[in-house]
Amino acid sequence: MVQYSSLSSAQPPLPLCPRCRRPSAAWRLDTCVYCGERFPAGFREGFEEPRALQWIERPALPPEASRQLEVMKVVPLEKSGPSRSLAVGAGLLSLPVFGAVFYLLYRLISRFSAVGASLIFVAGAGFLVYLAWSFFRASRRR
């Protein structure tokens, strides 16, 4: 015996899962979406297919819209990014700027602590190497 449930008055009743007793959420699947129970043979017999899955005849497109769709298929819509020379200039400018910042920070810290100054030097060198590596990698992708 298969029971049915009605989710709304506009929708036809749906069969209930034999295990979890919930309405069938995916009409075309052979298993329950909620609990994974396999539906028995003839599970949907006697029930009407949901209206959302039925074929709807749509009106034809106006000729102008059809032409616009054809043009959209031919014309690429990809936007070009910022120019490569601008990115190269910004990358080349950032290396000496950060180098100068780390050098000034190194000189300032070296007056108070030799260990701190060496840590700043190693961190600055590592950051500049990483910056150069990421800039080189980004320039090769384009």
N, C-alpha and C. Protein backbone atom coordinates (compact mmCIF):
# COMPACT_ATOMS: atom_id res chain seq x y z
N MET A 1 0.85 -1.18 0.00
CA MET A 1 0.00 0.00 0.00
C MET A 1 0.89 1.24 0.00
N VAL A 2 0.70 2.10 -0.99
CA VAL A 2 1.48 3.31 -1.12
C VAL A 2 0.61 4.48 -0.69
N GLN A 3 1.15 5.29 0.23
CA GLN A 3 0.42 6.47 0.66
C GLN A 3 0.90 7.68 -0.14
N TYR A 4 0.15 8.71 -0.14
CA TYR A 4 0.55 9.91 -0.85
C TYR A 4 0.41 11.11 0.05
N SER A 5 1.08 12.18 -0.36
CA SER A 5 1.05 13.43 0.40
C SER A 5 0.84 14.56 -0.59
N SER A 6 0.26 15.62 -0.14
CA SER A 6 0.07 16.78 -0.99
C SER A 6 0.82 17.95 -0.37
N LEU A 7 1.81 18.48 -1.10
CA LEU A 7 2.59 19.59 -0.58
C LEU A 7 1.83 20.90 -0.69
N SER A 8 1.04 21.07 -1.72
CA SER A 8 0.19 22.24 -1.87
C SER A 8 -1.01 21.86 -2.71
N SER A 9 -1.99 22.69 -2.71
CA SER A 9 -3.20 22.37 -3.46
C SER A 9 -2.97 22.47 -4.96
N ALA A 10 -1.97 23.25 -5.41
CA ALA A 10 -1.70 23.40 -6.84
C ALA A 10 -0.89 22.24 -7.39
N GLN A 11 -0.22 21.49 -6.54
CA GLN A 11 0.64 20.40 -6.97
C GLN A 11 -0.08 19.08 -6.74
N PRO A 12 0.05 18.14 -7.70
CA PRO A 12 -0.59 16.84 -7.49
C PRO A 12 0.09 16.10 -6.34
N PRO A 13 -0.62 15.15 -5.71
CA PRO A 13 -0.02 14.42 -4.59
C PRO A 13 1.18 13.58 -5.05
N LEU A 14 2.17 13.45 -4.17
CA LEU A 14 3.39 12.69 -4.47
C LEU A 14 3.43 11.45 -3.58
N PRO A 15 4.05 10.37 -4.04
CA PRO A 15 4.17 9.18 -3.20
C PRO A 15 5.14 9.41 -2.06
N LEU A 16 4.91 8.72 -0.94
CA LEU A 16 5.77 8.85 0.23
C LEU A 16 6.81 7.74 0.23
N CYS A 17 7.99 8.07 0.73
CA CYS A 17 9.07 7.08 0.85
C CYS A 17 8.63 6.02 1.87
N PRO A 18 8.83 4.74 1.57
CA PRO A 18 8.41 3.70 2.51
C PRO A 18 9.20 3.71 3.82
N ARG A 19 10.39 4.28 3.82
CA ARG A 19 11.22 4.26 5.02
C ARG A 19 11.05 5.52 5.87
N CYS A 20 11.25 6.71 5.26
CA CYS A 20 11.23 7.95 6.06
C CYS A 20 9.89 8.68 5.98
N ARG A 21 9.00 8.23 5.14
CA ARG A 21 7.64 8.76 5.00
C ARG A 21 7.60 10.21 4.52
N ARG A 22 8.63 10.63 3.79
CA ARG A 22 8.63 11.98 3.21
C ARG A 22 8.20 11.88 1.74
N PRO A 23 7.61 12.98 1.21
CA PRO A 23 7.23 12.96 -0.22
C PRO A 23 8.46 12.83 -1.10
N SER A 24 8.31 12.16 -2.21
CA SER A 24 9.41 11.98 -3.16
C SER A 24 9.84 13.33 -3.70
N ALA A 25 11.08 13.73 -3.42
CA ALA A 25 11.56 15.06 -3.80
C ALA A 25 12.11 15.08 -5.22
N ALA A 26 12.62 13.97 -5.70
CA ALA A 26 13.16 13.90 -7.06
C ALA A 26 12.37 12.83 -7.81
N TRP A 27 11.51 13.26 -8.67
CA TRP A 27 10.56 12.38 -9.33
C TRP A 27 11.25 11.32 -10.18
N ARG A 28 12.34 11.64 -10.81
CA ARG A 28 12.96 10.72 -11.75
C ARG A 28 14.00 9.80 -11.11
N LEU A 29 14.36 10.02 -9.85
CA LEU A 29 15.33 9.15 -9.18
C LEU A 29 14.65 7.88 -8.67
N ASP A 30 15.41 6.80 -8.59
CA ASP A 30 14.89 5.53 -8.08
C ASP A 30 15.17 5.35 -6.59
N THR A 31 15.78 6.35 -5.96
CA THR A 31 16.05 6.28 -4.53
C THR A 31 15.54 7.55 -3.86
N CYS A 32 15.34 7.47 -2.56
CA CYS A 32 14.87 8.62 -1.79
C CYS A 32 16.03 9.60 -1.60
N VAL A 33 15.77 10.87 -1.79
CA VAL A 33 16.78 11.90 -1.64
C VAL A 33 17.18 12.04 -0.17
N TYR A 34 16.26 11.80 0.74
CA TYR A 34 16.49 12.04 2.15
C TYR A 34 17.19 10.87 2.85
N CYS A 35 16.72 9.65 2.63
CA CYS A 35 17.27 8.52 3.39
C CYS A 35 18.02 7.51 2.51
N GLY A 36 17.92 7.60 1.20
CA GLY A 36 18.63 6.71 0.30
C GLY A 36 17.93 5.38 0.04
N GLU A 37 16.74 5.21 0.55
CA GLU A 37 15.99 3.96 0.34
C GLU A 37 15.66 3.78 -1.13
N ARG A 38 15.84 2.57 -1.64
CA ARG A 38 15.50 2.25 -3.02
C ARG A 38 14.00 2.04 -3.11
N PHE A 39 13.38 2.71 -4.09
CA PHE A 39 11.94 2.60 -4.27
C PHE A 39 11.59 1.26 -4.89
N PRO A 40 10.48 0.65 -4.49
CA PRO A 40 10.06 -0.61 -5.10
C PRO A 40 9.55 -0.39 -6.52
N ALA A 41 9.46 -1.48 -7.28
CA ALA A 41 8.94 -1.40 -8.65
C ALA A 41 7.49 -0.91 -8.61
N GLY A 42 7.12 -0.06 -9.54
CA GLY A 42 5.76 0.48 -9.61
C GLY A 42 5.47 1.49 -8.52
N PHE A 43 6.49 2.11 -7.98
CA PHE A 43 6.33 3.06 -6.87
C PHE A 43 5.49 4.27 -7.28
N ARG A 44 5.66 4.73 -8.50
CA ARG A 44 4.98 5.95 -8.94
C ARG A 44 3.68 5.69 -9.67
N GLU A 45 3.28 4.43 -9.80
CA GLU A 45 2.03 4.11 -10.50
C GLU A 45 0.85 4.70 -9.75
N GLY A 46 -0.02 5.30 -10.48
CA GLY A 46 -1.20 5.92 -9.89
C GLY A 46 -1.00 7.36 -9.48
N PHE A 47 0.20 7.88 -9.67
CA PHE A 47 0.47 9.27 -9.32
C PHE A 47 0.77 10.04 -10.59
N GLU A 48 0.34 11.28 -10.60
CA GLU A 48 0.56 12.15 -11.75
C GLU A 48 1.94 12.80 -11.65
N GLU A 49 2.62 12.92 -12.77
CA GLU A 49 3.93 13.58 -12.79
C GLU A 49 3.77 15.04 -12.37
N PRO A 50 4.69 15.58 -11.57
CA PRO A 50 4.57 16.98 -11.15
C PRO A 50 4.53 17.92 -12.36
N ARG A 51 3.78 18.98 -12.22
CA ARG A 51 3.60 19.91 -13.34
C ARG A 51 4.91 20.60 -13.73
N ALA A 52 5.81 20.74 -12.79
CA ALA A 52 7.08 21.41 -13.09
C ALA A 52 7.92 20.60 -14.07
N LEU A 53 7.71 19.29 -14.14
CA LEU A 53 8.49 18.45 -15.05
C LEU A 53 7.82 18.27 -16.41
N GLN A 54 6.61 18.73 -16.54
CA GLN A 54 5.91 18.56 -17.80
C GLN A 54 6.39 19.57 -18.82
N TRP A 55 6.30 19.21 -20.09
CA TRP A 55 6.77 20.06 -21.17
C TRP A 55 5.89 21.29 -21.30
N ILE A 56 6.54 22.45 -21.41
CA ILE A 56 5.81 23.71 -21.59
C ILE A 56 6.18 24.25 -22.96
N GLU A 57 5.20 24.56 -23.75
CA GLU A 57 5.44 25.13 -25.07
C GLU A 57 5.70 26.62 -24.90
N ARG A 58 6.87 27.04 -25.26
CA ARG A 58 7.24 28.45 -25.12
C ARG A 58 7.03 29.17 -26.45
N PRO A 59 6.71 30.46 -26.39
CA PRO A 59 6.52 31.20 -27.64
C PRO A 59 7.86 31.38 -28.37
N ALA A 60 7.79 31.54 -29.66
CA ALA A 60 9.00 31.73 -30.47
C ALA A 60 9.62 33.09 -30.17
N LEU A 61 10.93 33.18 -30.34
CA LEU A 61 11.64 34.43 -30.12
C LEU A 61 11.38 35.38 -31.28
N PRO A 62 11.30 36.68 -30.98
CA PRO A 62 11.18 37.64 -32.08
C PRO A 62 12.45 37.62 -32.94
N PRO A 63 12.36 37.98 -34.22
CA PRO A 63 13.53 37.94 -35.10
C PRO A 63 14.70 38.78 -34.59
N GLU A 64 14.43 39.93 -33.99
CA GLU A 64 15.50 40.80 -33.49
C GLU A 64 16.27 40.12 -32.36
N ALA A 65 15.55 39.45 -31.46
CA ALA A 65 16.20 38.74 -30.37
C ALA A 65 17.02 37.57 -30.90
N SER A 66 16.53 36.91 -31.91
CA SER A 66 17.29 35.79 -32.51
C SER A 66 18.60 36.29 -33.11
N ARG A 67 18.57 37.44 -33.78
CA ARG A 67 19.79 38.01 -34.35
C ARG A 67 20.78 38.38 -33.24
N GLN A 68 20.28 38.97 -32.16
CA GLN A 68 21.16 39.34 -31.06
C GLN A 68 21.81 38.10 -30.43
N LEU A 69 21.06 37.02 -30.31
CA LEU A 69 21.64 35.79 -29.76
C LEU A 69 22.70 35.23 -30.69
N GLU A 70 22.48 35.30 -32.00
CA GLU A 70 23.49 34.82 -32.94
C GLU A 70 24.77 35.65 -32.87
N VAL A 71 24.62 36.97 -32.70
CA VAL A 71 25.79 37.85 -32.59
C VAL A 71 26.54 37.54 -31.30
N MET A 72 25.82 37.25 -30.23
CA MET A 72 26.48 36.94 -28.96
C MET A 72 27.28 35.64 -29.06
N LYS A 73 26.87 34.71 -29.91
CA LYS A 73 27.61 33.48 -30.09
C LYS A 73 28.93 33.73 -30.81
N VAL A 74 28.97 34.73 -31.69
CA VAL A 74 30.14 34.99 -32.52
C VAL A 74 31.12 35.94 -31.85
N VAL A 75 30.62 36.98 -31.22
CA VAL A 75 31.47 38.01 -30.64
C VAL A 75 31.95 37.55 -29.26
N PRO A 76 33.26 37.49 -29.02
CA PRO A 76 33.74 37.10 -27.69
C PRO A 76 33.45 38.20 -26.67
N LEU A 77 33.04 37.79 -25.48
CA LEU A 77 32.69 38.75 -24.43
C LEU A 77 33.79 38.89 -23.39
N GLU A 78 34.97 38.33 -23.66
CA GLU A 78 36.06 38.39 -22.69
C GLU A 78 36.61 39.81 -22.62
N LYS A 79 36.80 40.27 -21.42
CA LYS A 79 37.37 41.60 -21.22
C LYS A 79 38.88 41.46 -21.06
N SER A 80 39.58 42.38 -21.66
CA SER A 80 41.03 42.35 -21.50
C SER A 80 41.37 43.00 -20.16
N GLY A 81 42.33 42.42 -19.47
CA GLY A 81 42.73 42.93 -18.17
C GLY A 81 43.60 44.17 -18.32
N PRO A 82 44.18 44.62 -17.23
CA PRO A 82 45.05 45.78 -17.33
C PRO A 82 46.25 45.45 -18.23
N SER A 83 46.79 46.48 -18.82
CA SER A 83 47.89 46.25 -19.77
C SER A 83 49.07 45.61 -19.07
N ARG A 84 49.81 44.83 -19.83
CA ARG A 84 50.92 44.09 -19.27
C ARG A 84 52.05 45.03 -18.85
N SER A 85 52.26 46.10 -19.60
CA SER A 85 53.35 47.01 -19.26
C SER A 85 53.10 47.71 -17.93
N LEU A 86 51.84 47.97 -17.60
CA LEU A 86 51.51 48.58 -16.32
C LEU A 86 51.82 47.62 -15.17
N ALA A 87 51.49 46.34 -15.34
CA ALA A 87 51.77 45.35 -14.30
C ALA A 87 53.28 45.14 -14.14
N VAL A 88 53.99 45.12 -15.25
CA VAL A 88 55.45 44.97 -15.19
C VAL A 88 56.07 46.16 -14.48
N GLY A 89 55.62 47.36 -14.79
CA GLY A 89 56.14 48.57 -14.15
C GLY A 89 55.87 48.59 -12.66
N ALA A 90 54.65 48.18 -12.26
CA ALA A 90 54.32 48.16 -10.83
C ALA A 90 55.15 47.11 -10.10
N GLY A 91 55.37 45.96 -10.75
CA GLY A 91 56.18 44.92 -10.12
C GLY A 91 57.63 45.32 -9.98
N LEU A 92 58.19 45.94 -11.00
CA LEU A 92 59.58 46.37 -10.93
C LEU A 92 59.77 47.52 -9.95
N LEU A 93 58.78 48.37 -9.80
CA LEU A 93 58.86 49.48 -8.85
C LEU A 93 58.73 49.00 -7.41
N SER A 94 57.95 47.93 -7.19
CA SER A 94 57.72 47.48 -5.82
C SER A 94 58.97 46.84 -5.20
N LEU A 95 59.82 46.22 -6.00
CA LEU A 95 61.02 45.58 -5.45
C LEU A 95 61.96 46.58 -4.76
N PRO A 96 62.38 47.68 -5.43
CA PRO A 96 63.26 48.62 -4.71
C PRO A 96 62.57 49.36 -3.57
N VAL A 97 61.28 49.60 -3.69
CA VAL A 97 60.57 50.29 -2.60
C VAL A 97 60.58 49.44 -1.34
N PHE A 98 60.21 48.16 -1.48
CA PHE A 98 60.23 47.28 -0.31
C PHE A 98 61.66 47.03 0.16
N GLY A 99 62.62 46.97 -0.75
CA GLY A 99 64.02 46.84 -0.36
C GLY A 99 64.46 48.01 0.51
N ALA A 100 64.08 49.23 0.11
CA ALA A 100 64.44 50.41 0.90
C ALA A 100 63.77 50.40 2.26
N VAL A 101 62.51 49.99 2.31
CA VAL A 101 61.79 49.94 3.58
C VAL A 101 62.47 48.95 4.53
N PHE A 102 62.81 47.78 4.03
CA PHE A 102 63.47 46.79 4.89
C PHE A 102 64.87 47.22 5.29
N TYR A 103 65.56 47.92 4.40
CA TYR A 103 66.90 48.41 4.76
C TYR A 103 66.82 49.44 5.89
N LEU A 104 65.87 50.39 5.76
CA LEU A 104 65.71 51.40 6.81
C LEU A 104 65.29 50.77 8.13
N LEU A 105 64.42 49.77 8.07
CA LEU A 105 64.01 49.07 9.29
C LEU A 105 65.18 48.30 9.89
N TYR A 106 66.00 47.70 9.05
CA TYR A 106 67.20 46.99 9.52
C TYR A 106 68.16 47.95 10.23
N ARG A 107 68.39 49.14 9.62
CA ARG A 107 69.30 50.12 10.23
C ARG A 107 68.76 50.62 11.57
N LEU A 108 67.46 50.80 11.67
CA LEU A 108 66.85 51.27 12.90
C LEU A 108 66.96 50.22 14.01
N ILE A 109 66.67 48.98 13.70
CA ILE A 109 66.70 47.91 14.71
C ILE A 109 68.13 47.53 15.08
N SER A 110 69.09 47.70 14.15
CA SER A 110 70.48 47.30 14.44
C SER A 110 71.08 48.14 15.56
N ARG A 111 70.57 49.32 15.83
CA ARG A 111 71.09 50.16 16.93
C ARG A 111 70.74 49.56 18.29
N PHE A 112 69.65 48.80 18.35
CA PHE A 112 69.18 48.29 19.63
C PHE A 112 69.44 46.81 19.82
N SER A 113 69.37 46.02 18.74
CA SER A 113 69.50 44.57 18.89
C SER A 113 70.09 43.97 17.62
N ALA A 114 71.17 43.24 17.79
CA ALA A 114 71.79 42.58 16.64
C ALA A 114 70.94 41.39 16.18
N VAL A 115 70.33 40.69 17.12
CA VAL A 115 69.49 39.54 16.77
C VAL A 115 68.24 40.02 16.03
N GLY A 116 67.63 41.08 16.51
CA GLY A 116 66.44 41.63 15.85
C GLY A 116 66.76 42.12 14.45
N ALA A 117 67.94 42.73 14.31
CA ALA A 117 68.34 43.22 12.99
C ALA A 117 68.55 42.07 12.02
N SER A 118 69.14 40.99 12.51
CA SER A 118 69.34 39.85 11.61
C SER A 118 68.00 39.20 11.24
N LEU A 119 67.05 39.19 12.17
CA LEU A 119 65.72 38.67 11.84
C LEU A 119 65.03 39.54 10.79
N ILE A 120 65.16 40.86 10.93
CA ILE A 120 64.58 41.78 9.95
C ILE A 120 65.24 41.57 8.59
N PHE A 121 66.56 41.37 8.59
CA PHE A 121 67.27 41.14 7.33
C PHE A 121 66.79 39.87 6.64
N VAL A 122 66.65 38.78 7.39
CA VAL A 122 66.19 37.51 6.82
C VAL A 122 64.74 37.63 6.34
N ALA A 123 63.88 38.27 7.14
CA ALA A 123 62.48 38.44 6.75
C ALA A 123 62.37 39.31 5.50
N GLY A 124 63.13 40.38 5.44
CA GLY A 124 63.11 41.26 4.27
C GLY A 124 63.60 40.56 3.02
N ALA A 125 64.70 39.81 3.15
CA ALA A 125 65.22 39.07 1.99
C ALA A 125 64.21 38.03 1.52
N GLY A 126 63.59 37.33 2.48
CA GLY A 126 62.58 36.33 2.12
C GLY A 126 61.38 36.96 1.43
N PHE A 127 60.93 38.11 1.94
CA PHE A 127 59.80 38.79 1.33
C PHE A 127 60.13 39.26 -0.08
N LEU A 128 61.32 39.81 -0.28
CA LEU A 128 61.70 40.28 -1.61
C LEU A 128 61.84 39.12 -2.60
N VAL A 129 62.36 37.99 -2.14
CA VAL A 129 62.45 36.81 -3.01
C VAL A 129 61.05 36.32 -3.37
N TYR A 130 60.16 36.28 -2.37
CA TYR A 130 58.79 35.86 -2.64
C TYR A 130 58.09 36.82 -3.60
N LEU A 131 58.30 38.11 -3.40
CA LEU A 131 57.69 39.11 -4.28
C LEU A 131 58.19 38.96 -5.71
N ALA A 132 59.50 38.77 -5.88
CA ALA A 132 60.07 38.59 -7.22
C ALA A 132 59.56 37.30 -7.85
N TRP A 133 59.47 36.22 -7.06
CA TRP A 133 58.99 34.94 -7.58
C TRP A 133 57.54 35.03 -8.01
N SER A 134 56.68 35.65 -7.19
CA SER A 134 55.25 35.75 -7.55
C SER A 134 55.06 36.68 -8.75
N PHE A 135 55.86 37.73 -8.85
CA PHE A 135 55.77 38.61 -10.01
C PHE A 135 56.21 37.89 -11.27
N PHE A 136 57.28 37.12 -11.19
CA PHE A 136 57.76 36.36 -12.34
C PHE A 136 56.72 35.32 -12.78
N ARG A 137 56.13 34.64 -11.81
CA ARG A 137 55.12 33.62 -12.12
C ARG A 137 53.88 34.25 -12.75
N ALA A 138 53.44 35.41 -12.24
CA ALA A 138 52.27 36.08 -12.80
C ALA A 138 52.54 36.60 -14.22
N SER A 139 53.76 37.04 -14.47
CA SER A 139 54.06 37.57 -15.80
C SER A 139 54.14 36.43 -16.83
N ARG A 140 54.49 35.23 -16.41
CA ARG A 140 54.55 34.10 -17.34
C ARG A 140 53.18 33.57 -17.71
N ARG A 141 52.17 33.76 -16.86
CA ARG A 141 50.81 33.25 -17.11
C ARG A 141 50.13 34.01 -18.24
N ARG A 142 50.43 35.24 -18.42
CA ARG A 142 49.71 36.07 -19.39
C ARG A 142 50.13 35.81 -20.78
